[in-house]
Amino acid sequence: MPPVPFLAGKTVAVMGLGRSGSSAARALLAAGAKVWAWDDDAGARETARRAGLPLTDLAKADLRYAQMVMWSPGIPHTFPKPHPVAERARALRLPLLCDVELLVIACPRARYVAVTGTNGKSTTTALIAHLLAAAGRKAAAGGNIGTPALDLPALDRDGTYVLELSSYQLELLDKAKFDQGVLLNITPDHLGRHGGMPGYIAAKASLFARLREDGIAVVGVDDEPSKRIYDSLRREMYARAIAVSVVAMRSGGVCAPEGILIDRRELKSPVEIDLRAIPTLPGRHNWQNACAAYAAVRALGLSAEQIRAGLASYPGLAHRQELVATIEGVRYVNDSKATNADAAAKALVCYDDIYWIAGGQAKEGGIDSLAPLFPRIRRAFLIGDAAQAFGRTLAGKVACEQCGTLGVAVERARAAALAESKPAPVVLLSPACASFDQFKSFEQRGDAFRDLVRAMAKPEAAR
């Protein structure tokens, strides 16, 4: 845990006691700060009380005595409606901050790579950290990827933090500066939290205002909003802005339109790496992740051969096109992290003869955008709140079954895949939805899928 002694004796309010809020409260208490911790959810408060965190109702507390408010990124503070505590804090000009701000203050000599984007940021964050570690560098990955910033180990000048940052977290930074900013892509998501697409784009673009003076920007340019951001950065930063594309070859960038990564900046001997041979990075979206990770670690001094070896040894990330098992010739793939249609498209394009498990708490736009990929789907098995709406979209295009729960969907998908005897069938959990109607998180949903599949595999192993 990085030390935060600069807050010793200070009063700090902590609003939201999920993973990052609880982590921040523990770090603050260890530093000798006076902590006012609160969560609107009674269950979260009880969990915090049992963990020894001091509770104070921030709706009633006199915030004039607080130095700052550590704010959970999941709690709205502007759109669609600001939380009353956020309004009170702003009236007192108290900053609303996330734990990443404290990490950067606590470990100022370490290097920082910040990764954002609508899709792919978890894989890219994990991949950058893996490439650094495989080359013998000290690295720690965290932030939105799962490990709270203040639960990471303390690093000095020989270490690198690789931080996945959501648009919510980017809005909760003040003076934090990064050595590199990586923006993968921007497609519609979380629009209600940002007041529409312009606000969402602005939140993502704000990453680059937080680069240090000699900072590097790595930007995917295959969508129009990201390309506009890159063009602006290129005018300001020139060689310190690196374009990444898996659609077209670009001079001065890192490209992989056919799955062969090419570093076009190496004019004398261009680097080429065959990404198609890496089983843990399937599909064009993962080629983009790999190109961005390559550009980031190359700028940190890794050689092409170190990167090539690191890519080959990358184990993949749970819940991102994770091959759970192959049972009786049927592959079962856990892509629970696909919480919107654009993310689901990245998985659907990688397979043929798909038995698709989809549904949950719907996101903006539903699954209409997936229509070009419907021919790849043999049958859909629909679950959760979005099941009826998805069924209407698929009617007459894809055979589908209303399953209700994940357990029913897995069993029916297995039966259909075995009965139809298609070559190399895939049962794919790629929900195109959030999980909160039936699960606490996409991780819990993916874990449940994994458990169901492994339970099916046990009888086969016993034969």
Protein backbone atom coordinates (compact mmCIF):
# COMPACT_ATOMS: atom_id res chain seq x y z
CA MET A 1 0.00 0.00 0.00
CA PRO A 2 1.56 3.35 -1.01
CA PRO A 3 1.89 5.63 2.03
CA VAL A 4 -0.12 8.86 2.16
CA PRO A 5 1.43 10.61 5.21
CA PHE A 6 0.73 14.03 3.71
CA LEU A 7 -2.87 13.59 4.93
CA ALA A 8 -1.96 12.73 8.54
CA GLY A 9 -4.19 14.66 10.92
CA LYS A 10 -6.43 15.88 8.07
CA THR A 11 -10.15 15.14 7.79
CA VAL A 12 -11.08 13.33 4.57
CA ALA A 13 -14.60 12.33 3.59
CA VAL A 14 -14.96 9.07 1.63
CA MET A 15 -18.18 8.75 -0.37
CA GLY A 16 -18.85 5.22 -1.63
CA LEU A 17 -17.44 2.10 -0.01
CA GLY A 18 -16.90 -0.28 -2.88
CA ARG A 19 -13.45 -1.61 -3.68
CA SER A 20 -11.75 1.72 -4.36
CA GLY A 21 -13.56 3.63 -1.58
CA SER A 22 -12.80 1.02 1.07
CA SER A 23 -9.20 0.84 -0.11
CA ALA A 24 -8.84 4.62 0.14
CA ALA A 25 -10.38 4.66 3.62
CA ARG A 26 -7.92 2.01 4.84
CA ALA A 27 -4.95 3.90 3.38
CA LEU A 28 -6.11 7.15 4.96
CA LEU A 29 -6.58 5.56 8.37
CA ALA A 30 -3.11 3.97 8.15
CA ALA A 31 -1.69 7.44 7.45
CA GLY A 32 -3.32 8.94 10.52
CA ALA A 33 -6.06 10.84 8.75
CA LYS A 34 -9.50 11.35 10.28
CA VAL A 35 -11.88 9.49 7.98
CA TRP A 36 -15.58 10.12 7.47
CA ALA A 37 -16.71 7.10 5.46
CA TRP A 38 -20.19 6.69 4.01
CA ASP A 39 -22.22 4.75 1.47
CA ASP A 40 -25.91 5.18 0.71
CA ASP A 41 -26.29 1.40 0.63
CA ALA A 42 -26.97 -0.08 4.08
CA GLY A 43 -25.28 -3.37 3.18
CA ALA A 44 -22.09 -1.59 2.14
CA ARG A 45 -22.12 0.39 5.38
CA GLU A 46 -22.47 -2.77 7.44
CA THR A 47 -19.57 -4.41 5.60
CA ALA A 48 -17.45 -1.29 6.23
CA ARG A 49 -18.43 -1.19 9.91
CA ARG A 50 -17.35 -4.80 10.35
CA ALA A 51 -14.04 -3.95 8.68
CA GLY A 52 -13.44 -1.21 11.24
CA LEU A 53 -14.08 1.79 8.99
CA PRO A 54 -15.54 4.80 10.85
CA LEU A 55 -18.94 5.79 9.43
CA THR A 56 -20.25 9.35 9.19
CA ASP A 57 -23.41 10.33 7.34
CA LEU A 58 -22.06 12.81 4.81
CA ALA A 59 -25.54 14.19 4.16
CA LYS A 60 -25.43 15.62 7.69
CA ALA A 61 -21.69 16.12 8.30
CA ASP A 62 -20.22 19.62 8.37
CA LEU A 63 -18.02 19.36 5.29
CA ARG A 64 -16.32 22.66 6.10
CA TYR A 65 -13.93 20.64 8.26
CA ALA A 66 -12.93 18.25 5.45
CA GLN A 67 -9.89 18.82 3.23
CA MET A 68 -11.26 16.76 0.32
CA VAL A 69 -13.86 14.20 -0.64
CA MET A 70 -12.69 10.84 -1.98
CA TRP A 71 -15.48 10.06 -4.42
CA SER A 72 -16.45 6.66 -5.77
CA PRO A 73 -16.42 6.82 -9.60
CA GLY A 74 -19.66 4.84 -9.70
CA ILE A 75 -21.70 7.57 -7.98
CA PRO A 76 -23.06 10.33 -10.29
CA HIS A 77 -21.79 13.76 -9.36
CA THR A 78 -22.93 15.76 -12.40
CA PHE A 79 -25.23 13.87 -14.82
CA PRO A 80 -27.93 12.65 -14.89
CA LYS A 81 -28.41 14.32 -11.52
CA PRO A 82 -25.67 15.35 -9.08
CA HIS A 83 -25.61 13.59 -5.74
CA PRO A 84 -26.58 15.96 -2.90
CA VAL A 85 -23.24 15.41 -1.16
CA ALA A 86 -21.41 16.37 -4.37
CA GLU A 87 -23.45 19.56 -4.57
CA ARG A 88 -22.62 20.44 -0.96
CA ALA A 89 -18.91 19.75 -1.50
CA ARG A 90 -18.74 21.88 -4.63
CA ALA A 91 -20.52 24.73 -2.87
CA LEU A 92 -17.63 24.65 -0.38
CA ARG A 93 -15.08 24.31 -3.22
CA LEU A 94 -14.00 20.93 -1.89
CA PRO A 95 -12.38 18.79 -4.59
CA LEU A 96 -13.98 15.45 -5.50
CA LEU A 97 -11.09 13.06 -6.14
CA CYS A 98 -10.52 9.37 -6.83
CA ASP A 99 -7.80 7.16 -5.37
CA VAL A 100 -5.56 7.52 -8.44
CA GLU A 101 -4.91 11.15 -7.47
CA LEU A 102 -3.50 10.04 -4.11
CA LEU A 103 -1.37 7.31 -5.68
CA VAL A 104 0.37 9.81 -7.97
CA ILE A 105 1.07 12.10 -5.02
CA ALA A 106 2.28 9.20 -2.87
CA CYS A 107 4.69 7.77 -5.49
CA PRO A 108 5.86 10.75 -7.53
CA ARG A 109 9.07 9.19 -8.87
CA ALA A 110 7.43 6.16 -10.51
CA ARG A 111 6.39 6.16 -14.16
CA TYR A 112 2.69 6.19 -15.02
CA VAL A 113 0.94 4.78 -18.08
CA ALA A 114 -2.79 5.60 -18.13
CA VAL A 115 -5.06 3.60 -20.45
CA THR A 116 -8.61 4.51 -21.43
CA GLY A 117 -11.12 3.82 -24.19
CA THR A 118 -14.61 2.44 -24.51
CA ASN A 119 -13.41 -1.11 -25.14
CA GLY A 120 -10.15 -3.00 -24.76
CA LYS A 121 -8.65 -1.00 -21.92
CA SER A 122 -8.47 -3.90 -19.45
CA THR A 123 -6.68 -6.16 -21.93
CA THR A 124 -4.31 -3.38 -22.97
CA THR A 125 -3.54 -2.47 -19.36
CA ALA A 126 -2.81 -6.09 -18.44
CA LEU A 127 -0.79 -6.60 -21.62
CA ILE A 128 1.43 -3.54 -21.03
CA ALA A 129 2.12 -4.69 -17.46
CA HIS A 130 2.86 -8.22 -18.70
CA LEU A 131 5.29 -7.00 -21.38
CA LEU A 132 7.17 -4.90 -18.83
CA ALA A 133 7.32 -7.72 -16.29
CA ALA A 134 8.39 -10.26 -18.92
CA ALA A 135 11.28 -7.95 -19.80
CA GLY A 136 12.38 -7.79 -16.16
CA ARG A 137 10.87 -4.39 -15.37
CA LYS A 138 8.95 -3.61 -12.17
CA ALA A 139 5.31 -2.96 -13.02
CA ALA A 140 1.94 -2.95 -11.28
CA ALA A 141 -1.46 -2.82 -12.99
CA GLY A 142 -4.60 -1.51 -11.35
CA GLY A 143 -7.31 1.12 -11.30
CA ASN A 144 -10.53 0.24 -13.09
CA ILE A 145 -9.09 -3.18 -14.01
CA GLY A 146 -9.83 -4.47 -10.51
CA THR A 147 -7.02 -3.68 -8.06
CA PRO A 148 -7.64 -0.28 -6.45
CA ALA A 149 -4.81 2.20 -6.91
CA LEU A 150 -4.02 2.37 -3.18
CA ASP A 151 -3.83 -1.43 -2.91
CA LEU A 152 -0.95 -1.53 -5.39
CA PRO A 153 2.64 -1.88 -4.13
CA ALA A 154 4.67 1.28 -3.62
CA LEU A 155 7.02 1.82 -6.60
CA ASP A 156 10.00 4.12 -6.99
CA ARG A 157 11.78 5.50 -10.06
CA ASP A 158 12.52 1.97 -11.35
CA GLY A 159 8.82 1.01 -11.40
CA THR A 160 5.86 1.67 -13.69
CA TYR A 161 2.18 1.87 -12.77
CA VAL A 162 -0.15 0.84 -15.59
CA LEU A 163 -3.58 2.21 -14.74
CA GLU A 164 -6.86 1.51 -16.48
CA LEU A 165 -8.97 4.66 -16.14
CA SER A 166 -12.66 4.94 -16.89
CA SER A 167 -14.25 8.18 -18.02
CA TYR A 168 -15.67 8.44 -14.48
CA GLN A 169 -12.18 8.27 -12.95
CA LEU A 170 -10.74 10.78 -15.41
CA GLU A 171 -13.31 13.31 -14.21
CA LEU A 172 -12.11 12.82 -10.62
CA LEU A 173 -8.49 13.85 -11.12
CA ASP A 174 -6.98 17.19 -10.20
CA LYS A 175 -3.20 17.52 -10.49
CA ALA A 176 -2.20 13.95 -11.40
CA LYS A 177 0.26 13.75 -14.31
CA PHE A 178 1.16 10.71 -16.43
CA ASP A 179 4.15 9.76 -18.57
CA GLN A 180 1.93 8.15 -21.19
CA GLY A 181 -1.71 8.33 -22.12
CA VAL A 182 -3.24 5.56 -24.22
CA LEU A 183 -6.65 6.06 -25.86
CA LEU A 184 -7.92 3.00 -27.71
CA ASN A 185 -11.30 3.99 -29.10
CA ILE A 186 -14.50 5.91 -28.43
CA THR A 187 -17.98 4.56 -29.13
CA PRO A 188 -21.25 5.50 -27.39
CA ASP A 189 -21.34 4.34 -23.76
CA HIS A 190 -22.23 5.84 -20.37
CA LEU A 191 -23.90 8.74 -22.16
CA GLY A 192 -26.32 9.38 -19.30
CA ARG A 193 -23.39 9.98 -16.95
CA HIS A 194 -21.79 12.55 -19.26
CA GLY A 195 -24.79 14.43 -20.60
CA GLY A 196 -24.41 12.98 -24.10
CA MET A 197 -21.68 12.03 -26.55
CA PRO A 198 -19.79 15.35 -26.49
CA GLY A 199 -19.37 15.10 -22.73
CA TYR A 200 -18.20 11.49 -23.00
CA ILE A 201 -15.63 12.38 -25.68
CA ALA A 202 -14.41 15.32 -23.59
CA ALA A 203 -13.94 13.05 -20.56
CA LYS A 204 -11.79 10.65 -22.59
CA ALA A 205 -9.80 13.46 -24.23
CA SER A 206 -9.04 14.99 -20.83
CA LEU A 207 -6.45 12.23 -20.33
CA PHE A 208 -4.03 14.08 -22.60
CA ALA A 209 -4.27 17.31 -20.62
CA ARG A 210 -2.71 15.27 -17.80
CA LEU A 211 0.50 14.29 -19.60
CA ARG A 212 3.80 15.44 -18.23
CA GLU A 213 5.77 17.89 -20.32
CA ASP A 214 7.58 15.14 -22.23
CA GLY A 215 4.65 12.71 -22.14
CA ILE A 216 3.71 10.32 -24.95
CA ALA A 217 0.21 9.97 -26.42
CA VAL A 218 -0.80 6.66 -28.04
CA VAL A 219 -4.12 6.95 -29.87
CA GLY A 220 -6.24 4.48 -31.83
CA VAL A 221 -7.44 6.31 -34.93
CA ASP A 222 -10.00 3.87 -36.33
CA ASP A 223 -13.04 5.79 -35.06
CA GLU A 224 -13.81 9.40 -35.89
CA PRO A 225 -13.81 10.91 -32.35
CA SER A 226 -10.43 9.36 -31.53
CA LYS A 227 -8.99 10.40 -34.89
CA ARG A 228 -10.00 14.02 -34.24
CA ILE A 229 -8.28 13.87 -30.86
CA TYR A 230 -5.13 12.41 -32.47
CA ASP A 231 -5.05 15.06 -35.20
CA SER A 232 -5.21 17.77 -32.56
CA LEU A 233 -2.47 16.13 -30.50
CA ARG A 234 -0.29 15.61 -33.55
CA ARG A 235 -0.35 19.35 -34.24
CA GLU A 236 0.62 20.07 -30.63
CA MET A 237 3.00 17.19 -29.85
CA TYR A 238 4.23 15.98 -33.27
CA ALA A 239 6.45 12.92 -32.71
CA ARG A 240 5.17 12.37 -29.18
CA ALA A 241 1.72 11.45 -30.57
CA ILE A 242 1.66 7.90 -31.95
CA ALA A 243 -1.20 6.64 -34.12
CA VAL A 244 -2.43 3.05 -33.90
CA SER A 245 -4.62 1.46 -36.59
CA VAL A 246 -5.87 -1.98 -37.54
CA VAL A 247 -7.82 -0.65 -40.52
CA ALA A 248 -5.15 1.00 -42.66
CA MET A 249 -1.40 1.43 -42.91
CA ARG A 250 -0.29 4.78 -41.53
CA SER A 251 3.12 6.32 -41.87
CA GLY A 252 4.66 7.22 -38.54
CA GLY A 253 2.44 4.85 -36.57
CA VAL A 254 1.92 1.26 -35.47
CA CYS A 255 -0.47 -0.69 -37.69
CA ALA A 256 -1.85 -4.21 -38.10
CA PRO A 257 -4.64 -4.18 -40.71
CA GLU A 258 -4.07 -7.84 -41.62
CA GLY A 259 -2.91 -9.05 -38.22
CA ILE A 260 0.79 -8.35 -38.88
CA LEU A 261 1.97 -5.62 -36.51
CA ILE A 262 4.20 -3.19 -38.36
CA ASP A 263 6.02 -0.32 -36.69
CA ARG A 264 6.22 2.20 -39.52
CA ARG A 265 8.45 4.48 -37.45
CA GLU A 266 11.40 2.09 -37.81
CA LEU A 267 12.41 3.29 -41.26
CA LYS A 268 15.68 1.34 -41.63
CA SER A 269 14.30 -2.03 -40.51
CA PRO A 270 10.52 -1.94 -39.83
CA VAL A 271 9.43 -4.23 -37.01
CA GLU A 272 6.94 -6.93 -37.96
CA ILE A 273 5.18 -9.27 -35.49
CA ASP A 274 2.53 -11.81 -36.53
CA LEU A 275 -0.32 -11.27 -34.07
CA ARG A 276 -2.45 -13.96 -35.71
CA ALA A 277 -0.22 -16.60 -34.12
CA ILE A 278 -1.04 -15.46 -30.56
CA PRO A 279 -4.06 -17.48 -29.34
CA THR A 280 -4.76 -15.19 -26.37
CA LEU A 281 -5.16 -12.12 -28.63
CA PRO A 282 -7.78 -13.21 -31.20
CA GLY A 283 -9.47 -10.78 -33.55
CA ARG A 284 -8.98 -7.31 -34.89
CA HIS A 285 -9.90 -5.63 -31.59
CA ASN A 286 -7.08 -7.49 -29.83
CA TRP A 287 -4.71 -6.54 -32.61
CA GLN A 288 -5.51 -2.92 -31.74
CA ASN A 289 -4.80 -3.66 -28.08
CA ALA A 290 -1.49 -5.28 -29.01
CA CYS A 291 -0.45 -2.36 -31.25
CA ALA A 292 -1.22 0.14 -28.49
CA ALA A 293 0.67 -1.92 -25.91
CA TYR A 294 3.62 -2.27 -28.30
CA ALA A 295 3.77 1.50 -28.85
CA ALA A 296 3.59 2.17 -25.11
CA VAL A 297 6.35 -0.21 -24.03
CA ARG A 298 8.56 0.62 -27.02
CA ALA A 299 8.48 4.22 -25.80
CA LEU A 300 9.50 2.91 -22.36
CA GLY A 301 12.63 1.38 -23.84
CA LEU A 302 11.73 -2.26 -24.53
CA SER A 303 13.31 -3.82 -27.62
CA ALA A 304 11.29 -5.36 -30.42
CA GLU A 305 12.54 -8.82 -29.43
CA GLN A 306 11.52 -8.32 -25.79
CA ILE A 307 8.06 -7.30 -26.96
CA ARG A 308 7.81 -10.22 -29.38
CA ALA A 309 8.65 -12.68 -26.59
CA GLY A 310 6.26 -10.99 -24.17
CA LEU A 311 3.35 -11.10 -26.61
CA ALA A 312 3.93 -14.81 -27.20
CA SER A 313 3.79 -15.52 -23.43
CA TYR A 314 0.72 -13.38 -22.68
CA PRO A 315 -1.77 -15.61 -20.80
CA GLY A 316 -4.90 -13.62 -21.60
CA LEU A 317 -7.39 -11.97 -19.27
CA ALA A 318 -10.31 -13.53 -17.45
CA HIS A 319 -13.76 -12.72 -18.87
CA ARG A 320 -12.30 -11.42 -22.16
CA GLN A 321 -12.77 -14.18 -24.76
CA GLU A 322 -11.49 -16.63 -22.16
CA LEU A 323 -11.57 -20.20 -23.44
CA VAL A 324 -12.95 -22.04 -20.41
CA ALA A 325 -13.01 -25.57 -21.84
CA THR A 326 -13.60 -27.67 -24.92
CA ILE A 327 -16.14 -30.41 -24.16
CA GLU A 328 -17.20 -32.99 -26.74
CA GLY A 329 -15.81 -30.73 -29.46
CA VAL A 330 -17.71 -27.64 -28.28
CA ARG A 331 -15.67 -24.62 -27.19
CA TYR A 332 -17.05 -22.56 -24.28
CA VAL A 333 -15.86 -18.95 -24.30
CA ASN A 334 -16.37 -16.51 -21.42
CA ASP A 335 -16.61 -12.93 -22.71
CA SER A 336 -18.63 -11.58 -19.78
CA LYS A 337 -16.73 -8.26 -19.96
CA ALA A 338 -18.65 -7.49 -23.17
CA THR A 339 -21.14 -5.19 -21.47
CA ASN A 340 -22.24 -3.34 -24.62
CA ALA A 341 -22.93 -4.19 -28.24
CA ASP A 342 -19.66 -2.83 -29.54
CA ALA A 343 -17.70 -5.06 -27.15
CA ALA A 344 -19.81 -8.09 -28.09
CA ALA A 345 -19.11 -7.42 -31.77
CA LYS A 346 -15.41 -7.84 -31.10
CA ALA A 347 -16.05 -11.43 -30.00
CA LEU A 348 -18.77 -12.34 -32.51
CA VAL A 349 -16.50 -11.49 -35.43
CA CYS A 350 -13.91 -14.02 -34.24
CA TYR A 351 -16.03 -17.17 -34.53
CA ASP A 352 -18.41 -19.03 -36.84
CA ASP A 353 -21.28 -21.30 -35.77
CA ILE A 354 -21.92 -19.40 -32.56
CA TYR A 355 -24.40 -20.42 -29.89
CA TRP A 356 -24.74 -17.01 -28.31
CA ILE A 357 -25.71 -16.30 -24.70
CA ALA A 358 -26.75 -12.65 -24.43
CA GLY A 359 -28.78 -10.35 -22.26
CA GLY A 360 -28.75 -8.66 -18.88
CA GLN A 361 -29.23 -5.01 -18.04
CA ALA A 362 -29.46 -3.26 -21.42
CA LYS A 363 -27.10 -0.51 -22.55
CA GLU A 364 -27.83 2.35 -24.95
CA GLY A 365 -28.71 1.22 -28.48
CA GLY A 366 -29.48 -2.42 -27.73
CA ILE A 367 -28.02 -4.87 -30.28
CA ASP A 368 -29.26 -3.34 -33.55
CA SER A 369 -25.68 -2.53 -34.55
CA LEU A 370 -24.81 -6.24 -34.46
CA ALA A 371 -27.09 -7.10 -37.42
CA PRO A 372 -24.18 -7.64 -39.88
CA LEU A 373 -22.88 -10.36 -37.55
CA PHE A 374 -26.18 -12.20 -37.13
CA PRO A 375 -25.33 -14.74 -39.90
CA ARG A 376 -22.53 -16.06 -37.68
CA ILE A 377 -25.03 -16.95 -34.94
CA ARG A 378 -26.66 -20.39 -35.13
CA ARG A 379 -28.96 -19.73 -32.20
CA ALA A 380 -29.27 -17.16 -29.39
CA PHE A 381 -30.07 -17.93 -25.77
CA LEU A 382 -31.42 -14.84 -24.03
CA ILE A 383 -31.28 -13.99 -20.33
CA GLY A 384 -32.07 -11.16 -17.95
CA ASP A 385 -33.97 -7.90 -18.30
CA ALA A 386 -33.04 -7.36 -21.95
CA ALA A 387 -34.15 -10.81 -23.13
CA GLN A 388 -37.53 -9.77 -24.53
CA ALA A 389 -36.14 -6.70 -26.31
CA PHE A 390 -33.27 -8.72 -27.79
CA GLY A 391 -35.78 -11.33 -28.93
CA ARG A 392 -37.71 -8.71 -30.87
CA THR A 393 -34.51 -7.49 -32.55
CA LEU A 394 -33.53 -11.05 -33.52
CA ALA A 395 -37.00 -12.13 -34.68
CA GLY A 396 -36.89 -13.50 -38.22
CA LYS A 397 -33.10 -13.17 -38.35
CA VAL A 398 -31.68 -15.51 -35.70
CA ALA A 399 -33.37 -18.44 -33.99
CA CYS A 400 -33.55 -17.67 -30.30
CA GLU A 401 -34.78 -19.04 -27.00
CA GLN A 402 -35.94 -17.18 -23.91
CA CYS A 403 -33.94 -18.75 -21.07
CA GLY A 404 -34.27 -16.37 -18.14
CA THR A 405 -31.17 -17.43 -16.25
CA LEU A 406 -27.59 -18.16 -17.19
CA GLY A 407 -27.80 -21.76 -15.97
CA VAL A 408 -30.72 -22.54 -18.27
CA ALA A 409 -28.97 -20.78 -21.18
CA VAL A 410 -25.75 -22.79 -20.79
CA GLU A 411 -27.60 -26.10 -20.68
CA ARG A 412 -29.74 -25.29 -23.73
CA ALA A 413 -26.77 -23.92 -25.69
CA ARG A 414 -24.83 -27.10 -24.98
CA ALA A 415 -27.70 -29.30 -26.14
CA ALA A 416 -28.16 -27.30 -29.33
CA ALA A 417 -24.43 -27.24 -30.15
CA LEU A 418 -24.20 -31.01 -29.78
CA ALA A 419 -27.43 -31.71 -31.67
CA GLU A 420 -26.68 -29.59 -34.72
CA SER A 421 -23.21 -31.10 -35.25
CA LYS A 422 -21.62 -28.03 -36.79
CA PRO A 423 -17.81 -27.95 -37.18
CA ALA A 424 -15.97 -26.29 -34.26
CA PRO A 425 -19.09 -24.85 -32.59
CA VAL A 426 -18.67 -22.16 -29.93
CA VAL A 427 -20.93 -21.47 -26.96
CA LEU A 428 -20.17 -17.80 -26.40
CA LEU A 429 -21.18 -15.76 -23.38
CA SER A 430 -20.86 -12.23 -24.74
CA PRO A 431 -23.90 -10.51 -23.18
CA ALA A 432 -23.83 -7.02 -24.78
CA CYS A 433 -25.32 -5.92 -21.44
CA ALA A 434 -24.39 -4.91 -17.95
CA SER A 435 -24.77 -7.62 -15.32
CA PHE A 436 -26.56 -5.82 -12.51
CA ASP A 437 -30.01 -7.31 -13.06
CA GLN A 438 -28.85 -10.77 -11.91
CA PHE A 439 -25.22 -10.43 -10.79
CA LYS A 440 -23.13 -8.01 -8.75
CA SER A 441 -20.59 -7.57 -11.54
CA PHE A 442 -19.50 -8.89 -14.92
CA GLU A 443 -16.83 -10.84 -13.03
CA GLN A 444 -19.44 -12.68 -10.96
CA ARG A 445 -21.39 -13.43 -14.15
CA GLY A 446 -18.28 -14.78 -15.86
CA ASP A 447 -17.34 -16.83 -12.80
CA ALA A 448 -20.82 -18.36 -12.79
CA PHE A 449 -20.47 -19.29 -16.47
CA ARG A 450 -17.05 -20.82 -15.81
CA ASP A 451 -18.42 -22.87 -12.92
CA LEU A 452 -21.33 -24.15 -15.02
CA VAL A 453 -19.01 -25.19 -17.84
CA ARG A 454 -16.51 -26.89 -15.55
CA ALA A 455 -19.33 -28.78 -13.87
CA MET A 456 -20.27 -30.13 -17.29
CA ALA A 457 -16.67 -31.10 -17.95
CA LYS A 458 -16.33 -33.26 -14.83
CA PRO A 459 -18.46 -36.19 -16.08
CA GLU A 460 -16.46 -36.23 -19.33
CA ALA A 461 -13.17 -36.29 -17.40
CA ALA A 462 -14.43 -39.21 -15.31
CA ARG A 463 -15.18 -41.38 -18.33
